[in-house]
PDB file of N, CA and C in Angstrom:
ATOM      1  N   MET A   1      33.886  -6.340  -6.482  1.00  0.00           N
ATOM      2  CA  MET A   1      33.254  -6.846  -7.392  1.00  0.00           C
ATOM      3  C   MET A   1      31.870  -6.232  -7.656  1.00  0.00           C
ATOM      4  N   MET A   2      31.562  -6.192  -8.666  1.00  0.00           N
ATOM      5  CA  MET A   2      30.160  -5.358  -8.717  1.00  0.00           C
ATOM      6  C   MET A   2      28.857  -6.392  -8.642  1.00  0.00           C
ATOM      7  N   ARG A   3      28.217  -6.060  -8.048  1.00  0.00           N
ATOM      8  CA  ARG A   3      26.908  -7.271  -7.992  1.00  0.00           C
ATOM      9  C   ARG A   3      26.042  -7.008  -9.102  1.00  0.00           C
ATOM     10  N   ASP A   4      25.864  -7.863  -9.927  1.00  0.00           N
ATOM     11  CA  ASP A   4      25.159  -7.873 -11.117  1.00  0.00           C
ATOM     12  C   ASP A   4      23.624  -7.341 -10.844  1.00  0.00           C
ATOM     13  N   PRO A   5      23.134  -6.473 -11.745  1.00  0.00           N
ATOM     14  CA  PRO A   5      21.885  -6.070 -11.742  1.00  0.00           C
ATOM     15  C   PRO A   5      21.068  -7.081 -12.050  1.00  0.00           C
ATOM     16  N   PRO A   6      19.525  -6.742 -11.409  1.00  0.00           N
ATOM     17  CA  PRO A   6      18.514  -7.819 -11.978  1.00  0.00           C
ATOM     18  C   PRO A   6      18.109  -8.013 -13.326  1.00  0.00           C
ATOM     19  N   ALA A   7      17.476  -9.057 -13.572  1.00  0.00           N
ATOM     20  CA  ALA A   7      16.960  -9.240 -15.060  1.00  0.00           C
ATOM     21  C   ALA A   7      16.992  -7.879 -15.912  1.00  0.00           C
ATOM     22  N   GLU A   8      17.009  -7.816 -17.165  1.00  0.00           N
ATOM     23  CA  GLU A   8      16.803  -6.692 -17.776  1.00  0.00           C
ATOM     24  C   GLU A   8      15.927  -5.802 -17.899  1.00  0.00           C
ATOM     25  N   GLN A   9      14.536  -6.758 -17.859  1.00  0.00           N
ATOM     26  CA  GLN A   9      13.469  -5.980 -17.626  1.00  0.00           C
ATOM     27  C   GLN A   9      13.298  -5.511 -16.435  1.00  0.00           C
ATOM     28  N   ARG A  10      13.959  -5.651 -15.423  1.00  0.00           N
ATOM     29  CA  ARG A  10      13.595  -5.481 -13.646  1.00  0.00           C
ATOM     30  C   ARG A  10      14.482  -4.016 -13.389  1.00  0.00           C
ATOM     31  N   TRP A  11      15.830  -4.586 -14.210  1.00  0.00           N
ATOM     32  CA  TRP A  11      16.946  -3.467 -14.424  1.00  0.00           C
ATOM     33  C   TRP A  11      16.395  -2.202 -14.660  1.00  0.00           C
ATOM     34  N   ALA A  12      15.819  -2.447 -15.982  1.00  0.00           N
ATOM     35  CA  ALA A  12      15.344  -1.232 -16.533  1.00  0.00           C
ATOM     36  C   ALA A  12      14.190  -0.124 -15.692  1.00  0.00           C
ATOM     37  N   GLU A  13      13.640  -0.874 -14.742  1.00  0.00           N
ATOM     38  CA  GLU A  13      12.483  -0.465 -14.257  1.00  0.00           C
ATOM     39  C   GLU A  13      13.374   0.439 -12.932  1.00  0.00           C
ATOM     40  N   LEU A  14      14.467  -0.470 -12.278  1.00  0.00           N
ATOM     41  CA  LEU A  14      15.293   0.226 -11.344  1.00  0.00           C
ATOM     42  C   LEU A  14      16.413   1.225 -11.488  1.00  0.00           C
ATOM     43  N   ARG A  15      16.342   1.224 -12.454  1.00  0.00           N
ATOM     44  CA  ARG A  15      17.800   1.805 -13.100  1.00  0.00           C
ATOM     45  C   ARG A  15      17.798   3.277 -12.263  1.00  0.00           C
ATOM     46  N   GLU A  16      16.489   3.953 -13.340  1.00  0.00           N
ATOM     47  CA  GLU A  16      16.158   5.424 -12.362  1.00  0.00           C
ATOM     48  C   GLU A  16      16.385   5.732 -11.127  1.00  0.00           C
ATOM     49  N   ARG A  17      15.565   4.734 -10.288  1.00  0.00           N
ATOM     50  CA  ARG A  17      15.493   4.982  -8.892  1.00  0.00           C
ATOM     51  C   ARG A  17      16.953   5.075  -8.545  1.00  0.00           C
ATOM     52  N   VAL A  18      17.953   4.132  -8.913  1.00  0.00           N
ATOM     53  CA  VAL A  18      19.218   4.088  -8.309  1.00  0.00           C
ATOM     54  C   VAL A  18      19.938   5.414  -8.737  1.00  0.00           C
ATOM     55  N   GLN A  19      19.687   6.115  -9.719  1.00  0.00           N
ATOM     56  CA  GLN A  19      19.940   7.321 -10.489  1.00  0.00           C
ATOM     57  C   GLN A  19      19.706   8.478  -9.397  1.00  0.00           C
ATOM     58  N   MET A  20      18.223   8.424  -8.953  1.00  0.00           N
ATOM     59  CA  MET A  20      17.750   9.362  -8.071  1.00  0.00           C
ATOM     60  C   MET A  20      18.680   9.145  -6.544  1.00  0.00           C
ATOM     61  N   ALA A  21      18.988   8.054  -6.346  1.00  0.00           N
ATOM     62  CA  ALA A  21      19.535   7.591  -5.310  1.00  0.00           C
ATOM     63  C   ALA A  21      20.919   8.289  -5.166  1.00  0.00           C
ATOM     64  N   ALA A  22      21.389   8.163  -5.675  1.00  0.00           N
ATOM     65  CA  ALA A  22      23.007   8.801  -6.160  1.00  0.00           C
ATOM     66  C   ALA A  22      22.515  10.238  -5.796  1.00  0.00           C
ATOM     67  N   LEU A  23      21.589  10.578  -6.443  1.00  0.00           N
ATOM     68  CA  LEU A  23      21.537  12.366  -6.885  1.00  0.00           C
ATOM     69  C   LEU A  23      21.290  12.476  -5.603  1.00  0.00           C
ATOM     70  N   LEU A  24      20.409  12.023  -4.579  1.00  0.00           N
ATOM     71  CA  LEU A  24      19.712  12.366  -3.058  1.00  0.00           C
ATOM     72  C   LEU A  24      21.436  12.177  -2.567  1.00  0.00           C
ATOM     73  N   CYS A  25      21.847  10.983  -2.551  1.00  0.00           N
ATOM     74  CA  CYS A  25      23.007  11.133  -1.581  1.00  0.00           C
ATOM     75  C   CYS A  25      23.950  12.010  -2.155  1.00  0.00           C
ATOM     76  N   SER A  26      24.136  12.641  -2.846  1.00  0.00           N
ATOM     77  CA  SER A  26      25.008  13.574  -3.440  1.00  0.00           C
ATOM     78  C   SER A  26      24.920  14.960  -3.085  1.00  0.00           C
ATOM     79  N   ARG A  27      23.620  15.260  -2.383  1.00  0.00           N
ATOM     80  CA  ARG A  27      23.030  16.691  -1.879  1.00  0.00           C
ATOM     81  C   ARG A  27      24.108  17.647  -2.845  1.00  0.00           C
ATOM     82  N   GLY A  28      23.756  17.606  -3.977  1.00  0.00           N
ATOM     83  CA  GLY A  28      24.704  18.510  -4.795  1.00  0.00           C
ATOM     84  C   GLY A  28      26.045  18.626  -5.467  1.00  0.00           C
ATOM     85  N   ASP A  29      26.877  17.959  -4.277  1.00  0.00           N
ATOM     86  CA  ASP A  29      28.433  18.040  -4.443  1.00  0.00           C
ATOM     87  C   ASP A  29      28.571  16.482  -5.589  1.00  0.00           C
ATOM     88  N   ARG A  30      29.268  17.321  -6.489  1.00  0.00           N
ATOM     89  CA  ARG A  30      29.917  16.560  -7.578  1.00  0.00           C
ATOM     90  C   ARG A  30      30.994  15.425  -7.001  1.00  0.00           C
ATOM     91  N   VAL A  31      31.495  15.854  -5.863  1.00  0.00           N
ATOM     92  CA  VAL A  31      32.461  14.642  -5.418  1.00  0.00           C
ATOM     93  C   VAL A  31      31.570  13.415  -4.567  1.00  0.00           C
ATOM     94  N   GLN A  32      30.872  14.117  -3.764  1.00  0.00           N
ATOM     95  CA  GLN A  32      29.731  13.034  -3.319  1.00  0.00           C
ATOM     96  C   GLN A  32      29.159  12.295  -4.285  1.00  0.00           C
ATOM     97  N   LEU A  33      28.661  12.905  -5.704  1.00  0.00           N
ATOM     98  CA  LEU A  33      27.934  12.039  -6.815  1.00  0.00           C
ATOM     99  C   LEU A  33      29.162  11.158  -7.012  1.00  0.00           C
ATOM    100  N   ASP A  34      30.021  11.506  -7.302  1.00  0.00           N
ATOM    101  CA  ASP A  34      31.001  10.218  -7.923  1.00  0.00           C
ATOM    102  C   ASP A  34      31.088   9.270  -6.889  1.00  0.00           C
ATOM    103  N   ALA A  35      31.233   9.690  -5.576  1.00  0.00           N
ATOM    104  CA  ALA A  35      31.247   8.658  -4.551  1.00  0.00           C
ATOM    105  C   ALA A  35      30.045   7.715  -4.790  1.00  0.00           C
ATOM    106  N   ALA A  36      28.746   8.158  -4.724  1.00  0.00           N
ATOM    107  CA  ALA A  36      27.546   7.662  -4.847  1.00  0.00           C
ATOM    108  C   ALA A  36      27.477   6.764  -6.056  1.00  0.00           C
ATOM    109  N   LEU A  37      28.019   6.813  -7.098  1.00  0.00           N
ATOM    110  CA  LEU A  37      28.255   6.415  -8.351  1.00  0.00           C
ATOM    111  C   LEU A  37      29.058   4.817  -8.042  1.00  0.00           C
ATOM    112  N   ALA A  38      30.243   5.485  -7.246  1.00  0.00           N
ATOM    113  CA  ALA A  38      31.430   4.395  -7.291  1.00  0.00           C
ATOM    114  C   ALA A  38      30.235   3.316  -6.497  1.00  0.00           C
ATOM    115  N   GLN A  39      29.700   3.681  -5.280  1.00  0.00           N
ATOM    116  CA  GLN A  39      29.168   2.815  -4.441  1.00  0.00           C
ATOM    117  C   GLN A  39      28.174   1.806  -5.403  1.00  0.00           C
ATOM    118  N   ALA A  40      27.269   2.420  -6.275  1.00  0.00           N
ATOM    119  CA  ALA A  40      26.123   1.901  -7.406  1.00  0.00           C
ATOM    120  C   ALA A  40      27.142   0.745  -7.925  1.00  0.00           C
ATOM    121  N   ALA A  41      28.379   0.946  -8.413  1.00  0.00           N
ATOM    122  CA  ALA A  41      29.125   0.204  -9.183  1.00  0.00           C
ATOM    123  C   ALA A  41      29.537  -1.184  -8.326  1.00  0.00           C
ATOM    124  N   VAL A  42      29.675  -1.022  -7.204  1.00  0.00           N
ATOM    125  CA  VAL A  42      30.059  -1.912  -6.435  1.00  0.00           C
ATOM    126  C   VAL A  42      28.543  -2.655  -6.071  1.00  0.00           C
ATOM    127  N   ASP A  43      27.834  -2.011  -5.439  1.00  0.00           N
ATOM    128  CA  ASP A  43      26.422  -2.680  -5.155  1.00  0.00           C
ATOM    129  C   ASP A  43      25.254  -1.712  -5.007  1.00  0.00           C
ATOM    130  N   TRP A  44      24.553  -1.709  -6.075  1.00  0.00           N
ATOM    131  CA  TRP A  44      23.547  -0.963  -6.216  1.00  0.00           C
ATOM    132  C   TRP A  44      22.567  -0.540  -5.161  1.00  0.00           C
ATOM    133  N   ARG A  45      22.265  -1.937  -4.715  1.00  0.00           N
ATOM    134  CA  ARG A  45      21.458  -2.060  -3.421  1.00  0.00           C
ATOM    135  C   ARG A  45      21.785  -1.303  -2.364  1.00  0.00           C
ATOM    136  N   ASP A  46      23.068  -1.218  -1.807  1.00  0.00           N
ATOM    137  CA  ASP A  46      23.281  -0.261  -0.728  1.00  0.00           C
ATOM    138  C   ASP A  46      23.303   1.123  -0.590  1.00  0.00           C
ATOM    139  N   LEU A  47      23.248   1.518  -2.139  1.00  0.00           N
ATOM    140  CA  LEU A  47      22.792   2.888  -1.958  1.00  0.00           C
ATOM    141  C   LEU A  47      21.415   3.353  -2.275  1.00  0.00           C
ATOM    142  N   LEU A  48      20.709   2.248  -2.803  1.00  0.00           N
ATOM    143  CA  LEU A  48      18.868   2.367  -2.166  1.00  0.00           C
ATOM    144  C   LEU A  48      18.605   2.538  -1.324  1.00  0.00           C
ATOM    145  N   VAL A  49      19.301   1.659  -0.038  1.00  0.00           N
ATOM    146  CA  VAL A  49      19.209   1.629   1.446  1.00  0.00           C
ATOM    147  C   VAL A  49      19.914   3.294   1.760  1.00  0.00           C
ATOM    148  N   GLU A  50      20.983   3.613   1.620  1.00  0.00           N
ATOM    149  CA  GLU A  50      21.373   5.067   2.204  1.00  0.00           C
ATOM    150  C   GLU A  50      20.713   5.737   1.748  1.00  0.00           C
ATOM    151  N   ALA A  51      19.736   6.095   0.300  1.00  0.00           N
ATOM    152  CA  ALA A  51      19.014   7.129   0.198  1.00  0.00           C
ATOM    153  C   ALA A  51      17.656   7.029   0.323  1.00  0.00           C
ATOM    154  N   GLY A  52      17.208   5.494   1.105  1.00  0.00           N
ATOM    155  CA  GLY A  52      16.087   5.375   1.743  1.00  0.00           C
ATOM    156  C   GLY A  52      15.084   5.194   0.719  1.00  0.00           C
ATOM    157  N   LEU A  53      15.454   4.829  -0.523  1.00  0.00           N
ATOM    158  CA  LEU A  53      14.689   4.211  -1.675  1.00  0.00           C
ATOM    159  C   LEU A  53      14.814   2.711  -1.440  1.00  0.00           C
ATOM    160  N   ALA A  54      14.834   1.902  -0.825  1.00  0.00           N
ATOM    161  CA  ALA A  54      15.225   0.742  -1.289  1.00  0.00           C
ATOM    162  C   ALA A  54      13.571  -0.415  -0.607  1.00  0.00           C
ATOM    163  N   ASP A  55      13.021   0.822   0.202  1.00  0.00           N
ATOM    164  CA  ASP A  55      11.678  -0.003   0.683  1.00  0.00           C
ATOM    165  C   ASP A  55      10.585   0.039  -0.142  1.00  0.00           C
ATOM    166  N   SER A  56       9.096  -0.290  -0.122  1.00  0.00           N
ATOM    167  CA  SER A  56       8.290   0.002  -0.625  1.00  0.00           C
ATOM    168  C   SER A  56       7.473   1.149  -0.346  1.00  0.00           C
ATOM    169  N   ASP A  57       7.887   2.227   0.383  1.00  0.00           N
ATOM    170  CA  ASP A  57       7.670   3.530   0.243  1.00  0.00           C
ATOM    171  C   ASP A  57       8.586   4.366  -0.226  1.00  0.00           C
ATOM    172  N   TRP A  58       9.304   3.734  -1.266  1.00  0.00           N
ATOM    173  CA  TRP A  58      10.611   4.283  -1.833  1.00  0.00           C
ATOM    174  C   TRP A  58       9.995   5.666  -2.715  1.00  0.00           C
ATOM    175  N   ARG A  59       8.866   5.626  -3.263  1.00  0.00           N
ATOM    176  CA  ARG A  59       8.008   6.451  -4.146  1.00  0.00           C
ATOM    177  C   ARG A  59       7.751   7.852  -3.301  1.00  0.00           C
ATOM    178  N   ALA A  60       6.858   7.240  -1.970  1.00  0.00           N
ATOM    179  CA  ALA A  60       6.840   8.568  -0.954  1.00  0.00           C
ATOM    180  C   ALA A  60       7.991   9.133  -0.524  1.00  0.00           C
ATOM    181  N   VAL A  61       9.081   8.478  -0.295  1.00  0.00           N
ATOM    182  CA  VAL A  61      10.583   9.089   0.285  1.00  0.00           C
ATOM    183  C   VAL A  61      10.808  10.019  -0.857  1.00  0.00           C
ATOM    184  N   LEU A  62      10.904   9.372  -2.355  1.00  0.00           N
ATOM    185  CA  LEU A  62      11.441  10.456  -3.534  1.00  0.00           C
ATOM    186  C   LEU A  62      10.363  11.533  -3.399  1.00  0.00           C
ATOM    187  N   GLU A  63       9.180  11.629  -3.244  1.00  0.00           N
ATOM    188  CA  GLU A  63       8.519  12.573  -3.803  1.00  0.00           C
ATOM    189  C   GLU A  63       8.434  13.751  -2.717  1.00  0.00           C
ATOM    190  N   ARG A  64       8.745  13.324  -0.947  1.00  0.00           N
ATOM    191  CA  ARG A  64       9.628  14.399   0.082  1.00  0.00           C
ATOM    192  C   ARG A  64      10.395  14.883  -0.261  1.00  0.00           C
ATOM    193  N   ALA A  65      11.733  13.786  -0.604  1.00  0.00           N
ATOM    194  CA  ALA A  65      12.644  14.447  -0.875  1.00  0.00           C
ATOM    195  C   ALA A  65      12.933  15.619  -2.327  1.00  0.00           C
ATOM    196  N   THR A  66      12.289  15.365  -3.091  1.00  0.00           N
ATOM    197  CA  THR A  66      12.365  16.131  -4.487  1.00  0.00           C
ATOM    198  C   THR A  66      10.720  17.121  -4.439  1.00  0.00           C
ATOM    199  N   ARG A  67      10.195  16.651  -3.693  1.00  0.00           N
ATOM    200  CA  ARG A  67       8.804  17.689  -3.771  1.00  0.00           C
ATOM    201  C   ARG A  67       8.312  17.554  -5.381  1.00  0.00           C
ATOM    202  N   LEU A  68       7.889  16.089  -5.531  1.00  0.00           N
ATOM    203  CA  LEU A  68       7.987  15.970  -7.274  1.00  0.00           C
ATOM    204  C   LEU A  68       6.505  14.844  -6.830  1.00  0.00           C
ATOM    205  N   GLU A  69       5.409  15.032  -7.677  1.00  0.00           N
ATOM    206  CA  GLU A  69       4.783  13.917  -8.042  1.00  0.00           C
ATOM    207  C   GLU A  69       5.156  12.893  -9.264  1.00  0.00           C
ATOM    208  N   LEU A  70       5.274  11.663  -8.764  1.00  0.00           N
ATOM    209  CA  LEU A  70       5.562  10.577  -9.541  1.00  0.00           C
ATOM    210  C   LEU A  70       4.444  10.097 -10.058  1.00  0.00           C
ATOM    211  N   PRO A  71       4.283   9.418 -11.040  1.00  0.00           N
ATOM    212  CA  PRO A  71       3.431   8.696 -11.977  1.00  0.00           C
ATOM    213  C   PRO A  71       3.022   7.291 -11.224  1.00  0.00           C
ATOM    214  N   GLU A  72       1.965   6.711 -11.063  1.00  0.00           N
ATOM    215  CA  GLU A  72       1.308   5.659 -10.392  1.00  0.00           C
ATOM    216  C   GLU A  72       2.093   4.491 -11.154  1.00  0.00           C
ATOM    217  N   ASN A  73       2.498   4.649 -12.436  1.00  0.00           N
ATOM    218  CA  ASN A  73       2.896   3.398 -13.027  1.00  0.00           C
ATOM    219  C   ASN A  73       3.986   2.575 -13.138  1.00  0.00           C
ATOM    220  N   GLU A  74       4.724   3.461 -12.202  1.00  0.00           N
ATOM    221  CA  GLU A  74       6.382   2.664 -11.902  1.00  0.00           C
ATOM    222  C   GLU A  74       6.137   1.781 -11.060  1.00  0.00           C
ATOM    223  N   GLY A  75       7.376   0.699 -10.972  1.00  0.00           N
ATOM    224  CA  GLY A  75       7.558  -0.236 -10.209  1.00  0.00           C
ATOM    225  C   GLY A  75       8.056   0.354  -8.868  1.00  0.00           C
TER     226      GLY A  75
END
């Protein structure tokens, strides 16, 4: 059973982080991406944990993993 996403506004903020978590966990492999997306459908929070994006330092983890500088205005 899929765990419900948070309230609509909060989910809008988290959706991109969940998508990035799936990409990080896939490591560029389509089969692993499909598996990560399936995992997110069951419980998206587990995917955030696996990708290292569940804690308050998620932005720094994502920047290190992607070498991107992200805007500070996102939750």
